[in-house]
PDB file of N, CA and C in Angstrom:
ATOM      1  N   MET A   1      17.741  22.900   0.552  1.00  0.00           N
ATOM      2  CA  MET A   1      17.902  22.497  -0.810  1.00  0.00           C
ATOM      3  C   MET A   1      17.879  23.700  -1.744  1.00  0.00           C
ATOM      4  N   GLU A   2      17.118  24.714  -1.381  1.00  0.00           N
ATOM      5  CA  GLU A   2      17.092  25.895  -2.231  1.00  0.00           C
ATOM      6  C   GLU A   2      18.439  26.612  -2.218  1.00  0.00           C
ATOM      7  N   GLU A   3      19.099  26.649  -1.056  1.00  0.00           N
ATOM      8  CA  GLU A   3      20.409  27.295  -0.970  1.00  0.00           C
ATOM      9  C   GLU A   3      21.421  26.622  -1.886  1.00  0.00           C
ATOM     10  N   ASN A   4      21.375  25.299  -1.942  1.00  0.00           N
ATOM     11  CA  ASN A   4      22.309  24.541  -2.763  1.00  0.00           C
ATOM     12  C   ASN A   4      21.806  24.351  -4.187  1.00  0.00           C
ATOM     13  N   ARG A   5      20.643  24.916  -4.496  1.00  0.00           N
ATOM     14  CA  ARG A   5      20.064  24.908  -5.834  1.00  0.00           C
ATOM     15  C   ARG A   5      19.781  23.496  -6.346  1.00  0.00           C
ATOM     16  N   ILE A   6      19.501  22.586  -5.441  1.00  0.00           N
ATOM     17  CA  ILE A   6      19.174  21.221  -5.834  1.00  0.00           C
ATOM     18  C   ILE A   6      17.790  21.171  -6.484  1.00  0.00           C
ATOM     19  N   SER A   7      16.898  22.017  -6.024  1.00  0.00           N
ATOM     20  CA  SER A   7      15.495  21.913  -6.432  1.00  0.00           C
ATOM     21  C   SER A   7      15.177  22.561  -7.777  1.00  0.00           C
ATOM     22  N   LEU A   8      16.111  23.268  -8.366  1.00  0.00           N
ATOM     23  CA  LEU A   8      15.829  23.964  -9.613  1.00  0.00           C
ATOM     24  C   LEU A   8      15.507  22.995 -10.742  1.00  0.00           C
ATOM     25  N   GLY A   9      14.307  23.131 -11.296  1.00  0.00           N
ATOM     26  CA  GLY A   9      13.898  22.319 -12.427  1.00  0.00           C
ATOM     27  C   GLY A   9      13.598  20.869 -12.127  1.00  0.00           C
ATOM     28  N   LYS A  10      13.462  20.541 -10.867  1.00  0.00           N
ATOM     29  CA  LYS A  10      13.212  19.149 -10.474  1.00  0.00           C
ATOM     30  C   LYS A  10      11.752  18.965 -10.086  1.00  0.00           C
ATOM     31  N   ASN A  11      11.266  17.768 -10.270  1.00  0.00           N
ATOM     32  CA  ASN A  11       9.906  17.418  -9.882  1.00  0.00           C
ATOM     33  C   ASN A  11       9.808  17.458  -8.358  1.00  0.00           C
ATOM     34  N   PRO A  12       8.928  18.279  -7.818  1.00  0.00           N
ATOM     35  CA  PRO A  12       8.804  18.376  -6.358  1.00  0.00           C
ATOM     36  C   PRO A  12       8.439  17.047  -5.699  1.00  0.00           C
ATOM     37  N   ARG A  13       7.649  16.216  -6.377  1.00  0.00           N
ATOM     38  CA  ARG A  13       7.285  14.908  -5.815  1.00  0.00           C
ATOM     39  C   ARG A  13       8.506  14.014  -5.701  1.00  0.00           C
ATOM     40  N   ALA A  14       9.410  14.091  -6.684  1.00  0.00           N
ATOM     41  CA  ALA A  14      10.626  13.272  -6.645  1.00  0.00           C
ATOM     42  C   ALA A  14      11.539  13.739  -5.519  1.00  0.00           C
ATOM     43  N   LEU A  15      11.644  15.044  -5.328  1.00  0.00           N
ATOM     44  CA  LEU A  15      12.460  15.571  -4.230  1.00  0.00           C
ATOM     45  C   LEU A  15      11.874  15.169  -2.880  1.00  0.00           C
ATOM     46  N   ALA A  16      10.566  15.288  -2.742  1.00  0.00           N
ATOM     47  CA  ALA A  16       9.924  14.913  -1.484  1.00  0.00           C
ATOM     48  C   ALA A  16      10.101  13.422  -1.213  1.00  0.00           C
ATOM     49  N   GLY A  17       9.943  12.607  -2.237  1.00  0.00           N
ATOM     50  CA  GLY A  17      10.140  11.172  -2.088  1.00  0.00           C
ATOM     51  C   GLY A  17      11.559  10.839  -1.672  1.00  0.00           C
ATOM     52  N   ALA A  18      12.525  11.520  -2.272  1.00  0.00           N
ATOM     53  CA  ALA A  18      13.934  11.276  -1.937  1.00  0.00           C
ATOM     54  C   ALA A  18      14.231  11.675  -0.502  1.00  0.00           C
ATOM     55  N   VAL A  19      13.677  12.795  -0.075  1.00  0.00           N
ATOM     56  CA  VAL A  19      13.892  13.250   1.300  1.00  0.00           C
ATOM     57  C   VAL A  19      13.280  12.254   2.282  1.00  0.00           C
ATOM     58  N   ILE A  20      12.092  11.782   1.985  1.00  0.00           N
ATOM     59  CA  ILE A  20      11.446  10.800   2.855  1.00  0.00           C
ATOM     60  C   ILE A  20      12.255   9.510   2.895  1.00  0.00           C
ATOM     61  N   TYR A  21      12.719   9.066   1.753  1.00  0.00           N
ATOM     62  CA  TYR A  21      13.497   7.833   1.693  1.00  0.00           C
ATOM     63  C   TYR A  21      14.796   7.967   2.487  1.00  0.00           C
ATOM     64  N   LEU A  22      15.522   9.064   2.281  1.00  0.00           N
ATOM     65  CA  LEU A  22      16.785   9.273   2.991  1.00  0.00           C
ATOM     66  C   LEU A  22      16.557   9.434   4.494  1.00  0.00           C
ATOM     67  N   ALA A  23      15.491  10.134   4.869  1.00  0.00           N
ATOM     68  CA  ALA A  23      15.175  10.306   6.290  1.00  0.00           C
ATOM     69  C   ALA A  23      14.824   8.965   6.928  1.00  0.00           C
ATOM     70  N   SER A  24      14.098   8.125   6.203  1.00  0.00           N
ATOM     71  CA  SER A  24      13.740   6.822   6.762  1.00  0.00           C
ATOM     72  C   SER A  24      14.979   5.960   6.975  1.00  0.00           C
ATOM     73  N   GLN A  25      15.932   6.026   6.053  1.00  0.00           N
ATOM     74  CA  GLN A  25      17.174   5.282   6.225  1.00  0.00           C
ATOM     75  C   GLN A  25      17.953   5.805   7.421  1.00  0.00           C
ATOM     76  N   ASN A  26      17.978   7.115   7.578  1.00  0.00           N
ATOM     77  CA  ASN A  26      18.702   7.741   8.673  1.00  0.00           C
ATOM     78  C   ASN A  26      18.116   7.358  10.034  1.00  0.00           C
ATOM     79  N   CYS A  27      16.813   7.117  10.066  1.00  0.00           N
ATOM     80  CA  CYS A  27      16.129   6.756  11.314  1.00  0.00           C
ATOM     81  C   CYS A  27      15.963   5.250  11.465  1.00  0.00           C
ATOM     82  N   ASN A  28      16.641   4.478  10.636  1.00  0.00           N
ATOM     83  CA  ASN A  28      16.548   3.013  10.663  1.00  0.00           C
ATOM     84  C   ASN A  28      15.126   2.504  10.470  1.00  0.00           C
ATOM     85  N   GLU A  29      14.332   3.226   9.719  1.00  0.00           N
ATOM     86  CA  GLU A  29      12.983   2.808   9.322  1.00  0.00           C
ATOM     87  C   GLU A  29      13.038   2.588   7.817  1.00  0.00           C
ATOM     88  N   PHE A  30      13.468   1.413   7.424  1.00  0.00           N
ATOM     89  CA  PHE A  30      13.738   1.174   6.013  1.00  0.00           C
ATOM     90  C   PHE A  30      12.451   0.963   5.218  1.00  0.00           C
ATOM     91  N   LEU A  31      12.118   1.972   4.416  1.00  0.00           N
ATOM     92  CA  LEU A  31      10.986   1.896   3.508  1.00  0.00           C
ATOM     93  C   LEU A  31      11.497   1.449   2.148  1.00  0.00           C
ATOM     94  N   ARG A  32      10.688   0.705   1.451  1.00  0.00           N
ATOM     95  CA  ARG A  32      11.081   0.269   0.116  1.00  0.00           C
ATOM     96  C   ARG A  32      10.912   1.410  -0.879  1.00  0.00           C
ATOM     97  N   GLN A  33      11.838   1.502  -1.801  1.00  0.00           N
ATOM     98  CA  GLN A  33      11.771   2.542  -2.821  1.00  0.00           C
ATOM     99  C   GLN A  33      10.477   2.453  -3.617  1.00  0.00           C
ATOM    100  N   VAL A  34      10.055   1.237  -3.908  1.00  0.00           N
ATOM    101  CA  VAL A  34       8.844   1.031  -4.699  1.00  0.00           C
ATOM    102  C   VAL A  34       7.625   1.620  -4.001  1.00  0.00           C
ATOM    103  N   GLU A  35       7.546   1.451  -2.684  1.00  0.00           N
ATOM    104  CA  GLU A  35       6.410   1.986  -1.926  1.00  0.00           C
ATOM    105  C   GLU A  35       6.375   3.506  -2.009  1.00  0.00           C
ATOM    106  N   ILE A  36       7.517   4.132  -1.832  1.00  0.00           N
ATOM    107  CA  ILE A  36       7.586   5.594  -1.897  1.00  0.00           C
ATOM    108  C   ILE A  36       7.221   6.071  -3.289  1.00  0.00           C
ATOM    109  N   CYS A  37       7.720   5.385  -4.300  1.00  0.00           N
ATOM    110  CA  CYS A  37       7.446   5.771  -5.689  1.00  0.00           C
ATOM    111  C   CYS A  37       5.967   5.644  -6.035  1.00  0.00           C
ATOM    112  N   GLN A  38       5.321   4.619  -5.517  1.00  0.00           N
ATOM    113  CA  GLN A  38       3.891   4.460  -5.772  1.00  0.00           C
ATOM    114  C   GLN A  38       3.091   5.602  -5.152  1.00  0.00           C
ATOM    115  N   VAL A  39       3.419   5.955  -3.931  1.00  0.00           N
ATOM    116  CA  VAL A  39       2.692   7.024  -3.242  1.00  0.00           C
ATOM    117  C   VAL A  39       2.969   8.378  -3.896  1.00  0.00           C
ATOM    118  N   ALA A  40       4.231   8.626  -4.252  1.00  0.00           N
ATOM    119  CA  ALA A  40       4.603   9.917  -4.835  1.00  0.00           C
ATOM    120  C   ALA A  40       4.320   9.989  -6.334  1.00  0.00           C
ATOM    121  N   ASP A  41       3.951   8.861  -6.933  1.00  0.00           N
ATOM    122  CA  ASP A  41       3.684   8.778  -8.370  1.00  0.00           C
ATOM    123  C   ASP A  41       4.902   9.216  -9.194  1.00  0.00           C
ATOM    124  N   ILE A  42       6.040   8.602  -8.870  1.00  0.00           N
ATOM    125  CA  ILE A  42       7.291   8.855  -9.587  1.00  0.00           C
ATOM    126  C   ILE A  42       7.942   7.514  -9.925  1.00  0.00           C
ATOM    127  N   SER A  43       8.952   7.559 -10.773  1.00  0.00           N
ATOM    128  CA  SER A  43       9.661   6.326 -11.117  1.00  0.00           C
ATOM    129  C   SER A  43      10.795   6.090 -10.120  1.00  0.00           C
ATOM    130  N   THR A  44      11.216   4.845 -10.032  1.00  0.00           N
ATOM    131  CA  THR A  44      12.336   4.528  -9.144  1.00  0.00           C
ATOM    132  C   THR A  44      13.613   5.187  -9.646  1.00  0.00           C
ATOM    133  N   VAL A  45      13.716   5.383 -10.949  1.00  0.00           N
ATOM    134  CA  VAL A  45      14.889   6.055 -11.514  1.00  0.00           C
ATOM    135  C   VAL A  45      14.959   7.497 -11.013  1.00  0.00           C
ATOM    136  N   SER A  46      13.823   8.178 -11.012  1.00  0.00           N
ATOM    137  CA  SER A  46      13.780   9.556 -10.508  1.00  0.00           C
ATOM    138  C   SER A  46      14.161   9.615  -9.037  1.00  0.00           C
ATOM    139  N   LEU A  47      13.624   8.682  -8.264  1.00  0.00           N
ATOM    140  CA  LEU A  47      13.936   8.646  -6.834  1.00  0.00           C
ATOM    141  C   LEU A  47      15.432   8.450  -6.612  1.00  0.00           C
ATOM    142  N   ARG A  48      16.010   7.509  -7.318  1.00  0.00           N
ATOM    143  CA  ARG A  48      17.443   7.235  -7.150  1.00  0.00           C
ATOM    144  C   ARG A  48      18.301   8.421  -7.569  1.00  0.00           C
ATOM    145  N   LYS A  49      17.925   9.073  -8.665  1.00  0.00           N
ATOM    146  CA  LYS A  49      18.683  10.245  -9.124  1.00  0.00           C
ATOM    147  C   LYS A  49      18.631  11.371  -8.096  1.00  0.00           C
ATOM    148  N   ARG A  50      17.445  11.650  -7.569  1.00  0.00           N
ATOM    149  CA  ARG A  50      17.318  12.724  -6.579  1.00  0.00           C
ATOM    150  C   ARG A  50      18.067  12.362  -5.308  1.00  0.00           C
ATOM    151  N   CYS A  51      18.019  11.109  -4.883  1.00  0.00           N
ATOM    152  CA  CYS A  51      18.764  10.688  -3.694  1.00  0.00           C
ATOM    153  C   CYS A  51      20.254  10.887  -3.905  1.00  0.00           C
ATOM    154  N   LYS A  52      20.727  10.512  -5.061  1.00  0.00           N
ATOM    155  CA  LYS A  52      22.152  10.646  -5.379  1.00  0.00           C
ATOM    156  C   LYS A  52      22.567  12.119  -5.367  1.00  0.00           C
ATOM    157  N   GLU A  53      21.740  12.988  -5.944  1.00  0.00           N
ATOM    158  CA  GLU A  53      22.043  14.421  -5.970  1.00  0.00           C
ATOM    159  C   GLU A  53      22.050  15.017  -4.567  1.00  0.00           C
ATOM    160  N   ILE A  54      21.071  14.635  -3.765  1.00  0.00           N
ATOM    161  CA  ILE A  54      20.991  15.163  -2.399  1.00  0.00           C
ATOM    162  C   ILE A  54      22.192  14.703  -1.585  1.00  0.00           C
ATOM    163  N   LYS A  55      22.529  13.418  -1.692  1.00  0.00           N
ATOM    164  CA  LYS A  55      23.666  12.897  -0.953  1.00  0.00           C
ATOM    165  C   LYS A  55      24.954  13.599  -1.363  1.00  0.00           C
ATOM    166  N   ALA A  56      25.147  13.802  -2.645  1.00  0.00           N
ATOM    167  CA  ALA A  56      26.378  14.427  -3.140  1.00  0.00           C
ATOM    168  C   ALA A  56      26.480  15.883  -2.708  1.00  0.00           C
ATOM    169  N   THR A  57      25.371  16.581  -2.738  1.00  0.00           N
ATOM    170  CA  THR A  57      25.381  18.004  -2.419  1.00  0.00           C
ATOM    171  C   THR A  57      25.482  18.260  -0.921  1.00  0.00           C
ATOM    172  N   LEU A  58      24.775  17.458  -0.138  1.00  0.00           N
ATOM    173  CA  LEU A  58      24.722  17.698   1.304  1.00  0.00           C
ATOM    174  C   LEU A  58      25.686  16.818   2.102  1.00  0.00           C
ATOM    175  N   ASP A  59      26.486  16.031   1.419  1.00  0.00           N
ATOM    176  CA  ASP A  59      27.447  15.141   2.069  1.00  0.00           C
ATOM    177  C   ASP A  59      26.792  14.246   3.108  1.00  0.00           C
ATOM    178  N   ILE A  60      25.758  13.559   2.704  1.00  0.00           N
ATOM    179  CA  ILE A  60      25.051  12.638   3.607  1.00  0.00           C
ATOM    180  C   ILE A  60      25.669  11.270   3.476  1.00  0.00           C
TER     181      ILE A  60
END
């Protein structure tokens, strides 16, 4: 993520939550966004935005 400059100026908790969420989907372990957001103390909007950015940048 640092190479693609995704992490610049972003909340590290939101990035970590997005990575966990995307990894869980990739492994067919579907976690609810709300659960991840509660643990990471972020909003669902932040999680969705970071997921969208990661997917767009890394072609996931």
